[in-house]
Amino acid sequence: MRFLITNDDGFDAPGLEALWQALLPLGTVEVVAPAVCHSSRGHAVDTKNPIRVERREVEPFGGIRIVHSSPADCIRVGLRHVMADNPPDCVVAGINPGANLGVDLFYSGTAAAAREAALLGVPAIALSRLIHSDFPIDWVSLSSQAAKAVSLLLRPEYRLPAGHFWNVNFPTISGERYPDEVMFVPHGTEPHAVQFQVLETCGDSELLGYSAAYRDRPRVAGSDVAELFSRRLTATPVGPSLTYAGSAHLHTLVSLGSAASPD
């Protein structure tokens, strides 16, 4: 089994090393990761400017590629340049210190990397772990659990259609005693509890600080948000389409001249 891995926290983040350690027993692992943190910057790609790619020896990986661009661009570089002649069997992104749940999937660089791989036709998995100040991450324990989750999702019965990827979230657990079961759940669609506080005022300008608490978001029963906050390990199959399939207007042709004028 050949893996391509990346993250959105930068090549020197502990989660990337934990992921590398998790996958080594399963096959060979190629690392193509961003030079700096791109957390919460979504599915950005750069098609206007040259992308600098460094080959560097970095412990404990050995030779890796460091890309001066986004996580999605790391996957593009990895699949269409670095591994173009010998593509991976699976792309894995993470392990992200911080959950990627519900609408986080629109912002997450970790999820974007997995989505880009899936769009380019390669099976992909995004791995994240909910954080809490009372439960610091033991990366060795999390690495072991990540290996189990990836091994499960690579089984033929869990293979997703082209363009889809698995989004996996680990809960915060006392003593890193992670669940032995995974809950397959849909992702929540409720917005965050967005709030700001004024940090400074100068004339007509304000400096705002984001002040909403991540855990204050709505939790619909049965969603990834609710289940993860109930300390379950969750996996969500994520598709590429943003189209509302229930619309009665799909596949119809309507004349613009028939549109009523707005009041």
Protein backbone atom coordinates (compact mmCIF):
# COMPACT_ATOMS: atom_id res chain seq x y z
CA MET A 1 0.00 0.00 0.00
CA ARG A 2 1.34 3.42 -1.00
CA PHE A 3 0.26 6.51 0.94
CA LEU A 4 0.58 10.23 0.30
CA ILE A 5 0.14 12.31 3.46
CA THR A 6 -0.16 16.01 4.20
CA ASN A 7 -1.71 18.33 6.78
CA ASP A 8 -2.72 21.96 7.22
CA ASP A 9 -0.47 22.73 10.22
CA GLY A 10 2.88 22.61 8.45
CA PHE A 11 5.50 19.93 7.83
CA ASP A 12 6.92 20.26 11.37
CA ALA A 13 3.62 19.69 13.22
CA PRO A 14 3.47 16.71 15.62
CA GLY A 15 0.25 15.44 14.04
CA LEU A 16 2.00 14.80 10.73
CA GLU A 17 4.68 12.73 12.42
CA ALA A 18 2.00 10.81 14.34
CA LEU A 19 0.22 10.07 11.06
CA TRP A 20 3.47 8.94 9.41
CA GLN A 21 4.14 6.59 12.33
CA ALA A 22 0.59 5.23 12.10
CA LEU A 23 0.86 4.38 8.40
CA LEU A 24 4.40 2.99 8.23
CA PRO A 25 3.30 -0.53 9.27
CA LEU A 26 0.67 -0.44 6.49
CA GLY A 27 2.95 0.48 3.59
CA THR A 28 5.22 3.18 2.17
CA VAL A 29 4.53 6.81 3.01
CA GLU A 30 5.33 9.89 0.89
CA VAL A 31 5.17 13.26 2.66
CA VAL A 32 4.19 16.42 0.75
CA ALA A 33 3.27 19.07 3.33
CA PRO A 34 2.91 22.84 3.57
CA ALA A 35 5.78 25.03 4.72
CA VAL A 36 3.60 26.92 7.22
CA CYS A 37 0.24 26.58 8.93
CA HIS A 38 -2.84 26.95 6.74
CA SER A 39 -5.44 26.08 9.36
CA SER A 40 -9.03 27.20 8.58
CA ARG A 41 -8.09 28.52 5.13
CA GLY A 42 -10.30 26.05 3.31
CA HIS A 43 -9.78 24.75 -0.21
CA ALA A 44 -7.53 27.51 -1.52
CA VAL A 45 -5.31 26.75 -4.52
CA ASP A 46 -2.89 28.96 -6.43
CA THR A 47 -3.04 28.84 -10.22
CA LYS A 48 -1.67 32.36 -10.79
CA ASN A 49 1.79 32.16 -9.22
CA PRO A 50 4.70 29.68 -9.32
CA ILE A 51 4.68 27.24 -6.39
CA ARG A 52 7.99 26.65 -4.66
CA VAL A 53 8.64 23.01 -3.68
CA GLU A 54 11.64 22.07 -1.53
CA ARG A 55 13.07 18.60 -1.16
CA ARG A 56 14.51 18.38 2.33
CA GLU A 57 15.72 15.75 4.78
CA VAL A 58 13.55 16.07 7.89
CA GLU A 59 13.64 13.76 10.89
CA PRO A 60 12.06 11.30 11.35
CA PHE A 61 10.62 11.20 7.81
CA GLY A 62 13.79 11.29 5.74
CA GLY A 63 13.30 13.01 2.37
CA ILE A 64 10.05 14.97 2.06
CA ARG A 65 8.61 17.73 -0.13
CA ILE A 66 7.78 21.04 1.50
CA VAL A 67 5.31 23.10 -0.52
CA HIS A 68 5.01 26.86 -0.13
CA SER A 69 1.28 26.82 -0.69
CA SER A 70 -1.98 25.39 0.64
CA PRO A 71 -2.86 21.81 1.70
CA ALA A 72 -4.92 21.36 -1.49
CA ASP A 73 -1.95 22.49 -3.55
CA CYS A 74 0.22 19.98 -1.65
CA ILE A 75 -2.09 17.24 -2.92
CA ARG A 76 -2.02 18.61 -6.46
CA VAL A 77 1.78 18.71 -6.38
CA GLY A 78 1.95 15.27 -4.78
CA LEU A 79 -0.41 13.54 -7.20
CA ARG A 80 0.40 15.32 -10.44
CA HIS A 81 4.14 15.92 -9.97
CA VAL A 82 5.88 14.01 -7.17
CA MET A 83 3.98 10.73 -7.57
CA ALA A 84 2.68 11.19 -11.11
CA ASP A 85 4.43 8.05 -12.38
CA ASN A 86 3.60 5.91 -9.36
CA PRO A 87 0.40 7.22 -7.73
CA PRO A 88 -0.60 6.39 -4.17
CA ASP A 89 -3.35 3.98 -3.22
CA CYS A 90 -4.66 6.41 -0.61
CA VAL A 91 -4.20 9.98 0.58
CA VAL A 92 -4.46 10.72 4.31
CA ALA A 93 -4.55 14.24 5.78
CA GLY A 94 -3.88 15.09 9.42
CA ILE A 95 -3.72 14.36 12.22
CA ASN A 96 -5.27 17.75 12.94
CA PRO A 97 -5.20 19.05 16.55
CA GLY A 98 -8.79 20.29 16.53
CA ALA A 99 -11.98 18.69 15.30
CA ASN A 100 -13.34 19.19 11.79
CA LEU A 101 -17.08 18.74 12.18
CA GLY A 102 -20.21 19.87 10.40
CA VAL A 103 -19.68 23.21 8.70
CA ASP A 104 -15.99 23.06 9.64
CA LEU A 105 -15.66 21.08 6.40
CA PHE A 106 -16.05 24.35 4.47
CA TYR A 107 -13.13 25.95 6.33
CA SER A 108 -10.82 23.05 7.08
CA GLY A 109 -7.52 22.75 5.24
CA THR A 110 -7.30 19.14 6.44
CA ALA A 111 -10.63 18.27 4.84
CA ALA A 112 -9.70 20.26 1.73
CA ALA A 113 -6.60 18.14 1.20
CA ALA A 114 -8.65 14.94 1.37
CA ARG A 115 -11.34 16.45 -0.87
CA GLU A 116 -8.77 17.48 -3.49
CA ALA A 117 -7.38 13.95 -3.57
CA ALA A 118 -10.87 12.51 -3.95
CA LEU A 119 -11.67 14.92 -6.78
CA LEU A 120 -8.50 13.77 -8.52
CA GLY A 121 -9.64 10.17 -8.23
CA VAL A 122 -7.66 8.88 -5.24
CA PRO A 123 -9.32 7.43 -2.10
CA ALA A 124 -8.78 9.80 0.81
CA ILE A 125 -9.23 10.13 4.57
CA ALA A 126 -9.08 13.22 6.79
CA LEU A 127 -8.17 12.68 10.46
CA SER A 128 -8.77 15.19 13.26
CA ARG A 129 -8.92 15.14 17.05
CA LEU A 130 -11.14 17.33 19.24
CA ILE A 131 -9.00 19.36 21.63
CA HIS A 132 -9.65 20.43 25.21
CA SER A 133 -7.28 22.07 27.69
CA ASP A 134 -8.00 19.32 30.23
CA PHE A 135 -7.07 16.55 27.77
CA PRO A 136 -3.68 17.18 26.12
CA ILE A 137 -2.93 15.01 23.12
CA ASP A 138 -0.79 11.93 23.60
CA TRP A 139 0.42 11.62 20.02
CA VAL A 140 1.70 8.06 20.48
CA SER A 141 -1.73 6.83 21.62
CA LEU A 142 -3.51 8.82 18.94
CA SER A 143 -1.16 7.45 16.28
CA SER A 144 -2.05 3.91 17.31
CA GLN A 145 -5.76 4.67 17.12
CA ALA A 146 -5.36 6.39 13.76
CA ALA A 147 -3.74 3.25 12.35
CA LYS A 148 -6.80 1.24 13.40
CA ALA A 149 -9.23 3.74 11.86
CA VAL A 150 -7.37 3.91 8.54
CA SER A 151 -7.07 0.12 8.38
CA LEU A 152 -10.82 -0.21 8.87
CA LEU A 153 -11.76 2.36 6.23
CA LEU A 154 -9.42 0.78 3.68
CA ARG A 155 -11.43 -2.42 3.77
CA PRO A 156 -13.38 -3.05 0.51
CA GLU A 157 -16.79 -2.72 2.16
CA TYR A 158 -15.99 0.87 3.20
CA ARG A 159 -14.65 2.04 -0.14
CA LEU A 160 -16.45 5.19 -1.27
CA PRO A 161 -17.46 6.24 -4.81
CA ALA A 162 -15.06 8.40 -6.79
CA GLY A 163 -14.95 11.97 -5.55
CA HIS A 164 -15.87 11.08 -1.95
CA PHE A 165 -13.67 10.94 1.15
CA TRP A 166 -13.91 9.86 4.78
CA ASN A 167 -13.83 12.54 7.47
CA VAL A 168 -12.80 11.03 10.82
CA ASN A 169 -12.83 12.75 14.21
CA PHE A 170 -11.39 11.42 17.47
CA PRO A 171 -12.92 12.60 20.76
CA THR A 172 -11.13 13.99 23.80
CA ILE A 173 -10.94 11.15 26.27
CA SER A 174 -9.43 10.92 29.74
CA GLY A 175 -6.26 8.86 29.62
CA GLU A 176 -6.49 8.64 25.81
CA ARG A 177 -8.75 5.60 26.16
CA TYR A 178 -10.31 5.94 22.73
CA PRO A 179 -13.47 4.02 21.80
CA ASP A 180 -13.06 0.63 20.16
CA GLU A 181 -15.99 1.40 17.84
CA VAL A 182 -16.54 4.02 15.16
CA MET A 183 -19.91 5.71 14.66
CA PHE A 184 -20.82 6.42 11.02
CA VAL A 185 -22.74 9.69 11.01
CA PRO A 186 -23.81 12.55 8.72
CA HIS A 187 -22.16 15.93 9.18
CA GLY A 188 -24.12 18.68 10.88
CA THR A 189 -25.12 21.77 8.91
CA GLU A 190 -25.78 24.18 11.76
CA PRO A 191 -23.66 27.36 11.90
CA HIS A 192 -21.15 28.18 14.58
CA ALA A 193 -22.12 30.50 17.42
CA VAL A 194 -20.30 33.40 15.74
CA GLN A 195 -19.47 36.30 18.06
CA PHE A 196 -16.96 39.17 18.14
CA GLN A 197 -15.66 41.52 20.80
CA VAL A 198 -14.21 44.97 20.19
CA LEU A 199 -10.53 44.96 21.11
CA GLU A 200 -9.66 48.49 20.06
CA THR A 201 -11.40 51.56 18.68
CA CYS A 202 -9.62 54.30 16.78
CA GLY A 203 -11.78 56.93 15.11
CA ASP A 204 -14.07 55.17 12.65
CA SER A 205 -12.14 51.89 12.85
CA GLU A 206 -12.62 48.92 15.16
CA LEU A 207 -10.34 45.98 15.82
CA LEU A 208 -12.45 42.87 16.38
CA GLY A 209 -11.52 39.62 18.09
CA TYR A 210 -13.40 36.38 17.45
CA SER A 211 -14.91 35.43 20.79
CA ALA A 212 -17.29 32.51 20.14
CA ALA A 213 -16.62 29.21 21.91
CA TYR A 214 -16.26 26.19 19.61
CA ARG A 215 -18.27 24.02 21.98
CA ASP A 216 -21.25 26.41 21.99
CA ARG A 217 -22.29 25.37 18.48
CA PRO A 218 -25.70 23.70 17.96
CA ARG A 219 -25.77 19.90 18.16
CA VAL A 220 -28.46 18.04 16.23
CA ALA A 221 -28.97 14.51 17.51
CA GLY A 222 -27.22 11.92 15.38
CA SER A 223 -24.86 14.36 13.66
CA ASP A 224 -21.07 14.24 13.82
CA VAL A 225 -21.10 17.26 16.14
CA ALA A 226 -23.43 15.64 18.67
CA GLU A 227 -21.77 12.24 18.56
CA LEU A 228 -18.20 13.51 18.89
CA PHE A 229 -19.10 15.71 21.83
CA SER A 230 -20.61 12.56 23.37
CA ARG A 231 -17.08 11.08 23.21
CA ARG A 232 -17.65 8.82 20.22
CA LEU A 233 -15.21 8.26 17.39
CA THR A 234 -16.99 9.42 14.24
CA ALA A 235 -16.58 8.85 10.51
CA THR A 236 -18.54 10.73 7.86
CA PRO A 237 -18.61 9.96 4.13
CA VAL A 238 -18.31 13.31 2.36
CA GLY A 239 -19.34 13.83 -1.26
CA PRO A 240 -18.29 16.40 -3.87
CA SER A 241 -21.68 17.82 -4.87
CA LEU A 242 -23.03 21.06 -3.39
CA THR A 243 -26.23 20.91 -5.44
CA TYR A 244 -29.56 20.73 -3.61
CA ALA A 245 -30.88 17.56 -5.19
CA GLY A 246 -34.42 18.14 -3.89
CA SER A 247 -35.01 21.26 -5.95
CA ALA A 248 -38.03 20.99 -8.24
CA HIS A 249 -36.32 23.34 -10.71
CA LEU A 250 -33.40 21.11 -11.68
CA HIS A 251 -33.20 20.18 -15.38
CA THR A 252 -35.80 22.78 -16.37
CA LEU A 253 -35.40 25.65 -18.83
CA VAL A 254 -37.10 28.91 -17.82
CA SER A 255 -37.23 32.12 -19.85
CA LEU A 256 -35.75 35.16 -18.12
CA GLY A 257 -38.58 37.18 -19.64
CA SER A 258 -41.09 35.34 -17.48
CA ALA A 259 -39.48 36.48 -14.25
CA ALA A 260 -41.64 38.81 -12.18
CA SER A 261 -40.20 42.18 -11.20
CA PRO A 262 -39.17 42.36 -7.55
CA ASP A 263 -41.22 44.61 -5.30
